[in-house]
Amino acid sequence: MTPDIPGLADAKEGVTSNGVPYVALPPEGEKEARGLVVMWHGADPPRTEQALAAAVPMRKVPAWRVYLGMPGHGRRSPKGGVEEIMRLAAQDALTLLFRPRIEGAVAELPGAVNDLRTQLEIDSTLPIGIFGFSQGGAAALLALSRNLLPFKAAVTFGAVIDFGALIDAMARYFGVTYEWTDERRTLATQLSSTDRAAAIAESGAAILLGVGSEDPDPTREPAERLAAAIRGEGGIAEVKIVPNVGHGFVDEPGEAAAPQGEQARKVDELASAWFSRHLK
C-alpha cells in the first residue's frame, strides 16, 4: 500500500489460500474489533482492492475492513490488459466479463473469509457485513440471496441490480445493438437481483442501497424497486441518493491507492454510518 495516505499505513496485503488478493485494515487505534466487513470494488474506479481501501477506509467503524480483489482485475487482469478487456466487452460484456467476475467472486467468498480469519486472527464469532460497488454490489446482493455467510449488514453503491437494463444502456451508449438470445437473457436474470427480494430479506441483513445522484447508469429505479420489495418481504432495506456523486467515485484510472476525494468521502461516510449502526 501507500503509507503516506492517511489511514493506510497499517494496511496488510496478501493472498488467501484460494487465490484471492486482499487489503485488510484493522480497527483504528488498536481498538478491539466489533465486526468484519468484506468489500468488493467495481469495474469503474475504484476498480482494485487498493483503490477501494483508500477511497472507503471506514476508519470510524470499529471493525476489520477487508477489501477483496475481484476476478479479472488487478493482479488477475487478463493478458493484454485494457485492450483485451475492451475486446471482450465489445464481443459480449455480459457473458465474457460480468459473469466470470461476479460468479467467480461469489464462489470464492466463503473460502476467502475462512482463510482470512485464520491469517489475520479474526474472531469467527464477530458479526459480518458486506459492501459492494457496481459489479461488486451485484455480487454482494447475490451473496446475500444465497445466504453464503450470516451477514448482519450490507451496503452497496451503484449496484448493478438489473443486468438487462444495464446491457441495453451500454449498447445505446456505444451506438450498437446487443443481440439478446435466450441463453443471454437467462444469464442476465441469474446475475440480477430484481427477483431476489424474498431471499435477500430472509438473510436478515439490514441493507442500504446507495446511488449517486449523477449516476448515468440505470441504478436508481432498480434500487428503489428492490428495496420496496425487500421491505414487503419483511426485511430491512433503504435507498440513499448521494448528491453530486456519479457512478465511479474516484479519478481514472482508479487502480492505485490515492488520497480520498470529495465524492469518495461521501461514499465512505454513507457506508460508515450504516455499518456503525447495524453491524452488531
Protein backbone atom coordinates (compact mmCIF):
# COMPACT_ATOMS: atom_id res chain seq x y z
CA MET A 1 0.00 0.00 0.00
CA THR A 2 0.96 3.67 0.09
CA PRO A 3 1.94 4.63 3.66
CA ASP A 4 1.69 8.39 3.08
CA ILE A 5 -2.07 8.12 2.52
CA PRO A 6 -3.81 8.67 5.88
CA GLY A 7 -5.27 5.52 7.37
CA LEU A 8 -3.37 3.05 5.19
CA ALA A 9 -0.04 2.85 6.98
CA ASP A 10 -1.19 -0.23 8.92
CA ALA A 11 -2.78 -1.96 5.93
CA LYS A 12 -2.00 -5.62 5.42
CA GLU A 13 -1.81 -7.09 1.92
CA GLY A 14 -1.79 -10.70 0.87
CA VAL A 15 -3.48 -13.52 -0.99
CA THR A 16 -5.85 -16.07 0.52
CA SER A 17 -5.25 -19.78 0.20
CA ASN A 18 -7.85 -19.92 -2.58
CA GLY A 19 -6.10 -17.19 -4.57
CA VAL A 20 -8.00 -14.01 -3.66
CA PRO A 21 -5.80 -10.90 -3.29
CA TYR A 22 -6.78 -8.65 -0.43
CA VAL A 23 -6.05 -5.49 1.53
CA ALA A 24 -7.03 -5.58 5.22
CA LEU A 25 -7.38 -2.64 7.59
CA PRO A 26 -7.53 -3.44 11.33
CA PRO A 27 -9.66 -1.37 13.71
CA GLU A 28 -8.23 2.11 14.19
CA GLY A 29 -6.05 2.86 17.18
CA GLU A 30 -5.69 -0.77 18.25
CA LYS A 31 -9.33 -0.83 19.29
CA GLU A 32 -10.96 -4.19 19.83
CA ALA A 33 -12.74 -5.35 16.69
CA ARG A 34 -16.52 -5.47 16.89
CA GLY A 35 -17.05 -6.89 13.43
CA LEU A 36 -15.69 -7.80 10.00
CA VAL A 37 -16.71 -6.11 6.75
CA VAL A 38 -15.74 -7.68 3.41
CA MET A 39 -15.67 -5.25 0.50
CA TRP A 40 -15.74 -5.59 -3.28
CA HIS A 41 -14.72 -2.92 -5.81
CA GLY A 42 -16.31 -2.35 -9.21
CA ALA A 43 -15.32 -2.30 -12.87
CA ASP A 44 -15.34 1.50 -12.75
CA PRO A 45 -12.99 3.45 -10.48
CA PRO A 46 -12.18 2.41 -7.81
CA ARG A 47 -11.52 -0.84 -9.66
CA THR A 48 -8.99 -2.60 -7.41
CA GLU A 49 -8.85 -3.57 -3.76
CA GLN A 50 -6.08 -1.00 -3.13
CA ALA A 51 -8.06 1.84 -4.69
CA LEU A 52 -11.22 0.94 -2.76
CA ALA A 53 -9.33 0.73 0.54
CA ALA A 54 -8.01 4.26 0.04
CA ALA A 55 -11.39 5.60 -1.11
CA VAL A 56 -13.60 3.93 1.51
CA PRO A 57 -11.39 3.17 4.54
CA MET A 58 -14.26 3.47 7.05
CA ARG A 59 -11.80 4.42 9.77
CA LYS A 60 -14.59 5.24 12.25
CA VAL A 61 -16.04 1.73 12.09
CA PRO A 62 -14.53 -0.44 14.89
CA ALA A 63 -14.17 -3.48 12.67
CA TRP A 64 -11.78 -5.25 10.35
CA ARG A 65 -12.32 -4.00 6.79
CA VAL A 66 -11.10 -6.48 4.21
CA TYR A 67 -11.06 -5.43 0.54
CA LEU A 68 -11.14 -8.36 -1.87
CA GLY A 69 -9.83 -8.23 -5.43
CA MET A 70 -12.44 -9.42 -7.91
CA PRO A 71 -11.57 -11.90 -10.66
CA GLY A 72 -10.34 -10.15 -13.82
CA HIS A 73 -8.91 -7.13 -12.00
CA GLY A 74 -5.55 -6.05 -10.60
CA ARG A 75 -3.09 -8.91 -10.48
CA ARG A 76 -5.77 -11.13 -12.02
CA SER A 77 -6.33 -8.95 -15.08
CA PRO A 78 -6.32 -10.81 -18.42
CA LYS A 79 -3.23 -10.86 -20.59
CA GLY A 80 -3.44 -7.87 -22.87
CA GLY A 81 -4.75 -5.59 -20.12
CA VAL A 82 -7.20 -2.84 -21.05
CA GLU A 83 -7.15 -3.71 -24.75
CA GLU A 84 -8.20 -7.28 -24.03
CA ILE A 85 -10.91 -6.13 -21.64
CA MET A 86 -12.30 -3.76 -24.26
CA ARG A 87 -12.24 -6.56 -26.84
CA LEU A 88 -14.20 -8.85 -24.54
CA ALA A 89 -16.64 -6.05 -23.71
CA ALA A 90 -17.30 -5.37 -27.39
CA GLN A 91 -17.78 -9.07 -28.06
CA ASP A 92 -20.13 -9.80 -25.15
CA ALA A 93 -19.69 -7.94 -21.85
CA LEU A 94 -22.40 -9.91 -20.08
CA THR A 95 -21.04 -13.36 -20.82
CA LEU A 96 -17.29 -12.72 -21.02
CA LEU A 97 -16.79 -10.07 -18.35
CA PHE A 98 -19.63 -9.78 -15.87
CA ARG A 99 -20.37 -13.49 -15.44
CA PRO A 100 -16.83 -14.66 -14.60
CA ARG A 101 -16.17 -11.67 -12.36
CA ILE A 102 -19.38 -11.78 -10.35
CA GLU A 103 -19.96 -15.52 -10.16
CA GLY A 104 -16.26 -16.04 -9.52
CA ALA A 105 -16.21 -13.55 -6.65
CA VAL A 106 -19.30 -15.08 -5.04
CA ALA A 107 -17.95 -18.63 -5.38
CA GLU A 108 -14.61 -17.82 -3.74
CA LEU A 109 -16.04 -15.67 -0.91
CA PRO A 110 -16.67 -18.30 1.83
CA GLY A 111 -13.24 -19.87 1.42
CA ALA A 112 -11.55 -16.47 1.36
CA VAL A 113 -13.29 -15.33 4.55
CA ASN A 114 -12.43 -18.55 6.37
CA ASP A 115 -8.77 -18.20 5.39
CA LEU A 116 -8.65 -14.50 6.31
CA ARG A 117 -9.96 -15.27 9.77
CA THR A 118 -7.01 -17.63 10.19
CA GLN A 119 -4.37 -15.41 8.57
CA LEU A 120 -5.38 -12.25 10.42
CA GLU A 121 -6.54 -13.93 13.63
CA ILE A 122 -10.05 -12.51 13.34
CA ASP A 123 -12.58 -13.91 15.79
CA SER A 124 -15.00 -16.08 13.80
CA THR A 125 -17.88 -15.08 16.11
CA LEU A 126 -17.70 -11.40 15.15
CA PRO A 127 -20.70 -10.11 13.15
CA ILE A 128 -20.00 -9.83 9.45
CA GLY A 129 -21.02 -7.21 6.92
CA ILE A 130 -20.56 -6.80 3.19
CA PHE A 131 -20.01 -3.81 0.88
CA GLY A 132 -20.06 -3.81 -2.89
CA PHE A 133 -19.66 -1.13 -5.55
CA SER A 134 -21.19 -1.52 -9.03
CA GLN A 135 -20.47 -5.11 -10.17
CA GLY A 136 -19.23 -5.71 -6.62
CA GLY A 137 -22.65 -4.60 -5.44
CA ALA A 138 -24.25 -7.17 -7.73
CA ALA A 139 -22.01 -9.82 -6.21
CA ALA A 140 -22.87 -8.66 -2.68
CA LEU A 141 -26.60 -8.96 -3.34
CA LEU A 142 -26.15 -12.44 -4.80
CA ALA A 143 -24.12 -13.45 -1.73
CA LEU A 144 -26.96 -12.21 0.48
CA SER A 145 -29.62 -14.01 -1.54
CA ARG A 146 -27.66 -17.27 -1.37
CA ASN A 147 -27.08 -16.90 2.37
CA LEU A 148 -23.37 -17.63 1.91
CA LEU A 149 -22.46 -16.14 5.28
CA PRO A 150 -24.53 -14.87 8.24
CA PHE A 151 -24.42 -11.21 7.19
CA LYS A 152 -25.79 -8.67 9.66
CA ALA A 153 -25.48 -5.58 7.46
CA ALA A 154 -24.86 -4.73 3.82
CA VAL A 155 -24.14 -1.58 1.82
CA THR A 156 -24.00 -1.28 -1.93
CA PHE A 157 -23.19 1.76 -4.02
CA GLY A 158 -24.22 1.96 -7.65
CA ALA A 159 -25.02 -1.74 -7.55
CA VAL A 160 -25.98 -3.40 -10.81
CA ILE A 161 -29.36 -4.85 -9.92
CA ASP A 162 -30.87 -5.28 -13.38
CA PHE A 163 -28.33 -6.53 -15.91
CA GLY A 164 -30.80 -6.43 -18.78
CA ALA A 165 -31.26 -2.70 -18.28
CA LEU A 166 -27.52 -2.13 -17.87
CA ILE A 167 -26.52 -4.03 -21.01
CA ASP A 168 -29.15 -2.18 -23.07
CA ALA A 169 -27.91 1.14 -21.69
CA MET A 170 -24.31 0.24 -22.54
CA ALA A 171 -25.36 -0.70 -26.07
CA ARG A 172 -27.10 2.65 -26.55
CA TYR A 173 -24.04 4.48 -25.23
CA PHE A 174 -21.74 2.74 -27.70
CA GLY A 175 -24.24 3.00 -30.56
CA VAL A 176 -24.60 -0.74 -31.04
CA THR A 177 -27.37 -3.31 -30.69
CA TYR A 178 -26.89 -6.11 -28.19
CA GLU A 179 -28.23 -9.37 -29.57
CA TRP A 180 -30.32 -10.96 -26.86
CA THR A 181 -30.56 -14.73 -27.04
CA ASP A 182 -32.47 -17.00 -24.67
CA GLU A 183 -29.17 -18.01 -23.08
CA ARG A 184 -28.12 -14.40 -22.56
CA ARG A 185 -31.49 -13.43 -21.06
CA THR A 186 -31.24 -16.36 -18.66
CA LEU A 187 -27.75 -15.27 -17.66
CA ALA A 188 -28.88 -11.67 -17.10
CA THR A 189 -31.62 -12.94 -14.81
CA GLN A 190 -29.16 -15.14 -12.91
CA LEU A 191 -26.82 -12.22 -12.25
CA SER A 192 -29.60 -9.76 -11.39
CA SER A 193 -31.30 -9.27 -8.03
CA THR A 194 -34.57 -7.87 -9.34
CA ASP A 195 -36.47 -11.01 -8.36
CA ARG A 196 -34.48 -11.93 -5.24
CA ALA A 197 -36.22 -9.76 -2.64
CA ALA A 198 -37.60 -12.69 -0.64
CA ALA A 199 -34.23 -14.46 -0.42
CA ILE A 200 -32.42 -11.21 0.43
CA ALA A 201 -34.95 -10.38 3.14
CA GLU A 202 -34.58 -13.90 4.53
CA SER A 203 -30.85 -13.25 5.06
CA GLY A 204 -31.82 -10.95 7.92
CA ALA A 205 -29.23 -8.33 6.94
CA ALA A 206 -30.01 -4.63 7.18
CA ILE A 207 -29.41 -3.36 3.65
CA LEU A 208 -28.57 0.11 2.34
CA LEU A 209 -28.59 0.69 -1.41
CA GLY A 210 -26.63 3.84 -2.19
CA VAL A 211 -26.90 5.59 -5.56
CA GLY A 212 -25.09 8.67 -6.84
CA SER A 213 -27.41 11.45 -7.95
CA GLU A 214 -25.32 11.88 -11.13
CA ASP A 215 -25.05 8.18 -11.97
CA PRO A 216 -25.85 7.78 -15.69
CA ASP A 217 -26.37 4.02 -15.34
CA PRO A 218 -29.82 2.53 -14.64
CA THR A 219 -29.24 2.08 -10.91
CA ARG A 220 -31.72 4.27 -9.05
CA GLU A 221 -35.06 2.83 -10.16
CA PRO A 222 -33.96 -0.81 -9.78
CA ALA A 223 -32.61 0.02 -6.30
CA GLU A 224 -35.86 1.66 -5.25
CA ARG A 225 -37.93 -1.26 -6.55
CA LEU A 226 -35.72 -3.83 -4.87
CA ALA A 227 -35.71 -2.00 -1.53
CA ALA A 228 -39.50 -1.74 -1.58
CA ALA A 229 -39.80 -5.44 -2.42
CA ILE A 230 -37.41 -6.41 0.39
CA ARG A 231 -39.45 -4.36 2.86
CA GLY A 232 -42.59 -6.04 1.51
CA GLU A 233 -41.00 -9.37 2.45
CA GLY A 234 -40.35 -8.16 5.99
CA GLY A 235 -36.70 -7.20 5.50
CA ILE A 236 -34.79 -4.00 6.28
CA ALA A 237 -33.80 -2.03 3.20
CA GLU A 238 -33.29 1.65 2.44
CA VAL A 239 -32.16 3.66 -0.58
CA LYS A 240 -29.93 6.68 -0.16
CA ILE A 241 -29.29 9.10 -3.02
CA VAL A 242 -25.87 10.72 -2.58
CA PRO A 243 -25.82 14.24 -4.07
CA ASN A 244 -23.23 15.29 -6.64
CA VAL A 245 -21.71 11.82 -6.99
CA GLY A 246 -21.55 9.84 -10.22
CA HIS A 247 -21.09 6.12 -10.73
CA GLY A 248 -17.34 5.82 -10.31
CA PHE A 249 -16.28 7.98 -7.38
CA VAL A 250 -12.52 8.27 -7.77
CA ASP A 251 -10.47 9.64 -10.67
CA GLU A 252 -9.34 7.44 -13.53
CA PRO A 253 -7.62 5.09 -13.77
CA GLY A 254 -8.73 4.16 -10.26
CA GLU A 255 -6.30 1.28 -9.86
CA ALA A 256 -3.80 2.54 -7.27
CA ALA A 257 -4.42 3.85 -3.77
CA ALA A 258 -4.88 7.62 -3.87
CA PRO A 259 -5.85 10.35 -1.38
CA GLN A 260 -9.57 10.38 -0.67
CA GLY A 261 -11.50 12.89 -2.77
CA GLU A 262 -14.82 14.57 -2.04
CA GLN A 263 -17.01 12.00 -3.82
CA ALA A 264 -15.23 9.11 -2.14
CA ARG A 265 -15.61 10.83 1.21
CA LYS A 266 -19.39 10.89 0.75
CA VAL A 267 -19.49 7.17 -0.04
CA ASP A 268 -17.21 6.49 2.92
CA GLU A 269 -19.50 8.42 5.27
CA LEU A 270 -22.57 6.64 3.89
CA ALA A 271 -21.11 3.17 4.47
CA SER A 272 -19.52 4.05 7.81
CA ALA A 273 -22.77 5.33 9.28
CA TRP A 274 -24.71 2.23 8.20
CA PHE A 275 -22.22 -0.30 9.48
CA SER A 276 -21.73 1.61 12.75
CA ARG A 277 -25.48 1.40 13.24
CA HIS A 278 -26.24 -2.12 12.07
CA LEU A 279 -23.10 -4.27 12.40
CA LYS A 280 -23.89 -5.65 15.84
